[in-house]
Amino acid sequence: MNCYEHTLVIKSDLSESDIKKLYDKYSNIITNNSGKIVKSEDWGLRPLSYQIKKSKKGFYYHIKFEGNGEIVDELENTGNIDASLLRFLTVKVLKHDTNTNYFESSNANYFEKKES
């Protein structure tokens, strides 16, 4: 099985129950197609770098999973149809990094530019 990371950017105007349904929908696609979810992270509401479909913010959800290419095809086909998504990205990785959570407060300075 290959290792993948799938990130969703969801419209900010959805209710919590709708967002939870989306999380479950994409998690079920992975598990129903013989995939294994290694870790899932809710990154919360974050500002976008630029407007996407008239939205300035989006809810980020990140899933690390193991599976085959058919799961990726199914995730991307569903993502192309889903009107609740602003963007999605699936990346094949060599190994999962389950120890680091990049959006916790302890790593807040990780993405900031260092001034010289």
C-alpha atoms as a PDB file:
ATOM      1  CA  MET A   1       0.000   0.000   0.000  1.00  0.00           C
ATOM      2  CA  ASN A   2       1.115   3.515  -0.792  1.00  0.00           C
ATOM      3  CA  CYS A   3       1.121   6.450   1.613  1.00  0.00           C
ATOM      4  CA  TYR A   4      -0.946   9.527   0.754  1.00  0.00           C
ATOM      5  CA  GLU A   5      -1.942  12.854   2.281  1.00  0.00           C
ATOM      6  CA  HIS A   6      -5.247  14.451   1.286  1.00  0.00           C
ATOM      7  CA  THR A   7      -6.058  18.047   2.251  1.00  0.00           C
ATOM      8  CA  LEU A   8      -9.492  19.620   1.903  1.00  0.00           C
ATOM      9  CA  VAL A   9     -10.337  23.329   1.974  1.00  0.00           C
ATOM     10  CA  ILE A  10     -14.030  23.693   2.786  1.00  0.00           C
ATOM     11  CA  LYS A  11     -16.220  26.781   2.396  1.00  0.00           C
ATOM     12  CA  SER A  12     -16.344  28.872   5.553  1.00  0.00           C
ATOM     13  CA  ASP A  13     -20.107  29.489   5.444  1.00  0.00           C
ATOM     14  CA  LEU A  14     -21.068  25.860   6.187  1.00  0.00           C
ATOM     15  CA  SER A  15     -22.486  24.802   9.538  1.00  0.00           C
ATOM     16  CA  GLU A  16     -20.565  22.523  11.889  1.00  0.00           C
ATOM     17  CA  SER A  17     -22.876  19.609  11.105  1.00  0.00           C
ATOM     18  CA  ASP A  18     -22.276  20.031   7.354  1.00  0.00           C
ATOM     19  CA  ILE A  19     -18.526  20.126   7.900  1.00  0.00           C
ATOM     20  CA  LYS A  20     -18.721  16.985  10.048  1.00  0.00           C
ATOM     21  CA  LYS A  21     -20.682  15.255   7.253  1.00  0.00           C
ATOM     22  CA  LEU A  22     -17.943  16.180   4.778  1.00  0.00           C
ATOM     23  CA  TYR A  23     -15.249  14.807   7.103  1.00  0.00           C
ATOM     24  CA  ASP A  24     -17.197  11.566   7.418  1.00  0.00           C
ATOM     25  CA  LYS A  25     -17.857  11.413   3.677  1.00  0.00           C
ATOM     26  CA  TYR A  26     -14.175  11.561   2.714  1.00  0.00           C
ATOM     27  CA  SER A  27     -13.096   9.298   5.574  1.00  0.00           C
ATOM     28  CA  ASN A  28     -15.675   6.717   4.471  1.00  0.00           C
ATOM     29  CA  ILE A  29     -14.405   6.826   0.886  1.00  0.00           C
ATOM     30  CA  ILE A  30     -10.985   5.797   2.172  1.00  0.00           C
ATOM     31  CA  THR A  31     -12.162   3.079   4.544  1.00  0.00           C
ATOM     32  CA  ASN A  32     -14.778   1.636   2.154  1.00  0.00           C
ATOM     33  CA  ASN A  33     -12.114   1.147  -0.527  1.00  0.00           C
ATOM     34  CA  SER A  34      -9.756  -0.928   1.661  1.00  0.00           C
ATOM     35  CA  GLY A  35      -7.748   2.075   2.820  1.00  0.00           C
ATOM     36  CA  LYS A  36      -6.419   2.760   6.297  1.00  0.00           C
ATOM     37  CA  ILE A  37      -6.508   6.217   7.882  1.00  0.00           C
ATOM     38  CA  VAL A  38      -3.258   6.769   9.755  1.00  0.00           C
ATOM     39  CA  LYS A  39      -4.049  10.248  11.102  1.00  0.00           C
ATOM     40  CA  SER A  40      -6.600  12.969  10.483  1.00  0.00           C
ATOM     41  CA  GLU A  41      -6.169  16.580  11.518  1.00  0.00           C
ATOM     42  CA  ASP A  42      -8.699  19.392  11.717  1.00  0.00           C
ATOM     43  CA  TRP A  43      -6.717  22.560  11.068  1.00  0.00           C
ATOM     44  CA  GLY A  44      -9.763  24.771  11.559  1.00  0.00           C
ATOM     45  CA  LEU A  45     -10.747  28.052   9.947  1.00  0.00           C
ATOM     46  CA  ARG A  46      -7.757  29.689   8.287  1.00  0.00           C
ATOM     47  CA  PRO A  47      -7.381  32.698   5.981  1.00  0.00           C
ATOM     48  CA  LEU A  48      -6.684  31.959   2.322  1.00  0.00           C
ATOM     49  CA  SER A  49      -3.757  33.559   0.503  1.00  0.00           C
ATOM     50  CA  TYR A  50      -6.149  34.799  -2.160  1.00  0.00           C
ATOM     51  CA  GLN A  51      -9.899  34.675  -2.775  1.00  0.00           C
ATOM     52  CA  ILE A  52     -11.256  31.382  -4.059  1.00  0.00           C
ATOM     53  CA  LYS A  53     -14.870  31.314  -5.254  1.00  0.00           C
ATOM     54  CA  LYS A  54     -15.527  34.604  -3.393  1.00  0.00           C
ATOM     55  CA  SER A  55     -14.243  33.167  -0.099  1.00  0.00           C
ATOM     56  CA  LYS A  56     -11.455  34.681   1.982  1.00  0.00           C
ATOM     57  CA  LYS A  57     -11.365  31.899   4.608  1.00  0.00           C
ATOM     58  CA  GLY A  58     -11.763  28.154   4.609  1.00  0.00           C
ATOM     59  CA  PHE A  59     -11.855  25.178   6.948  1.00  0.00           C
ATOM     60  CA  TYR A  60      -8.830  22.937   6.445  1.00  0.00           C
ATOM     61  CA  TYR A  61      -8.973  19.185   7.007  1.00  0.00           C
ATOM     62  CA  HIS A  62      -5.967  16.907   6.465  1.00  0.00           C
ATOM     63  CA  ILE A  63      -6.029  13.102   6.188  1.00  0.00           C
ATOM     64  CA  LYS A  64      -2.972  10.833   6.160  1.00  0.00           C
ATOM     65  CA  PHE A  65      -3.859   7.416   4.811  1.00  0.00           C
ATOM     66  CA  GLU A  66      -2.557   4.244   3.220  1.00  0.00           C
ATOM     67  CA  GLY A  67      -4.220   2.792   0.162  1.00  0.00           C
ATOM     68  CA  ASN A  68      -4.070   2.283  -3.575  1.00  0.00           C
ATOM     69  CA  GLY A  69      -4.550   4.569  -6.552  1.00  0.00           C
ATOM     70  CA  GLU A  70      -8.248   3.721  -6.842  1.00  0.00           C
ATOM     71  CA  ILE A  71      -8.892   5.540  -3.562  1.00  0.00           C
ATOM     72  CA  VAL A  72      -7.145   8.637  -4.895  1.00  0.00           C
ATOM     73  CA  ASP A  73      -9.242   8.514  -8.078  1.00  0.00           C
ATOM     74  CA  GLU A  74     -12.430   8.230  -6.023  1.00  0.00           C
ATOM     75  CA  LEU A  75     -11.405  11.109  -3.709  1.00  0.00           C
ATOM     76  CA  GLU A  76     -10.594  13.367  -6.648  1.00  0.00           C
ATOM     77  CA  ASN A  77     -13.763  12.482  -8.568  1.00  0.00           C
ATOM     78  CA  THR A  78     -15.855  13.233  -5.493  1.00  0.00           C
ATOM     79  CA  GLY A  79     -13.915  16.445  -4.847  1.00  0.00           C
ATOM     80  CA  ASN A  80     -14.521  17.682  -8.392  1.00  0.00           C
ATOM     81  CA  ILE A  81     -18.284  17.258  -7.946  1.00  0.00           C
ATOM     82  CA  ASP A  82     -18.599  18.541  -4.366  1.00  0.00           C
ATOM     83  CA  ALA A  83     -19.743  22.184  -4.329  1.00  0.00           C
ATOM     84  CA  SER A  84     -18.825  22.558  -0.628  1.00  0.00           C
ATOM     85  CA  LEU A  85     -15.095  22.324  -1.364  1.00  0.00           C
ATOM     86  CA  LEU A  86     -12.975  25.279  -2.384  1.00  0.00           C
ATOM     87  CA  ARG A  87      -9.879  23.190  -3.128  1.00  0.00           C
ATOM     88  CA  PHE A  88      -8.370  19.779  -2.449  1.00  0.00           C
ATOM     89  CA  LEU A  89      -4.948  18.248  -2.894  1.00  0.00           C
ATOM     90  CA  THR A  90      -3.739  14.666  -2.761  1.00  0.00           C
ATOM     91  CA  VAL A  91      -0.013  13.968  -2.470  1.00  0.00           C
ATOM     92  CA  LYS A  92       1.827  10.649  -2.467  1.00  0.00           C
ATOM     93  CA  VAL A  93       4.486  10.544   0.246  1.00  0.00           C
ATOM     94  CA  LEU A  94       7.237   8.063   1.029  1.00  0.00           C
ATOM     95  CA  LYS A  95       6.543   7.961   4.763  1.00  0.00           C
ATOM     96  CA  HIS A  96       3.971   9.533   7.070  1.00  0.00           C
ATOM     97  CA  ASP A  97       5.117  12.070   9.659  1.00  0.00           C
ATOM     98  CA  THR A  98       2.631  11.400  12.458  1.00  0.00           C
ATOM     99  CA  ASN A  99       4.632  13.142  15.192  1.00  0.00           C
ATOM    100  CA  THR A 100       4.505  16.722  13.908  1.00  0.00           C
ATOM    101  CA  ASN A 101       1.332  18.800  13.940  1.00  0.00           C
ATOM    102  CA  TYR A 102       2.232  21.913  11.972  1.00  0.00           C
ATOM    103  CA  PHE A 103      -0.705  24.016  13.115  1.00  0.00           C
ATOM    104  CA  GLU A 104      -0.424  23.693  16.890  1.00  0.00           C
ATOM    105  CA  SER A 105       0.621  26.697  18.938  1.00  0.00           C
ATOM    106  CA  SER A 106       4.011  25.127  19.750  1.00  0.00           C
ATOM    107  CA  ASN A 107       4.847  25.260  16.036  1.00  0.00           C
ATOM    108  CA  ALA A 108       3.358  28.710  15.426  1.00  0.00           C
ATOM    109  CA  ASN A 109       6.698  30.165  14.347  1.00  0.00           C
ATOM    110  CA  TYR A 110       7.415  27.298  11.952  1.00  0.00           C
ATOM    111  CA  PHE A 111       5.829  29.042   8.964  1.00  0.00           C
ATOM    112  CA  GLU A 112       6.725  32.619   9.844  1.00  0.00           C
ATOM    113  CA  LYS A 113       9.526  34.253   7.913  1.00  0.00           C
ATOM    114  CA  LYS A 114      12.634  34.895   9.919  1.00  0.00           C
ATOM    115  CA  GLU A 115      13.804  38.477   9.812  1.00  0.00           C
ATOM    116  CA  SER A 116      17.525  38.995   9.443  1.00  0.00           C
END
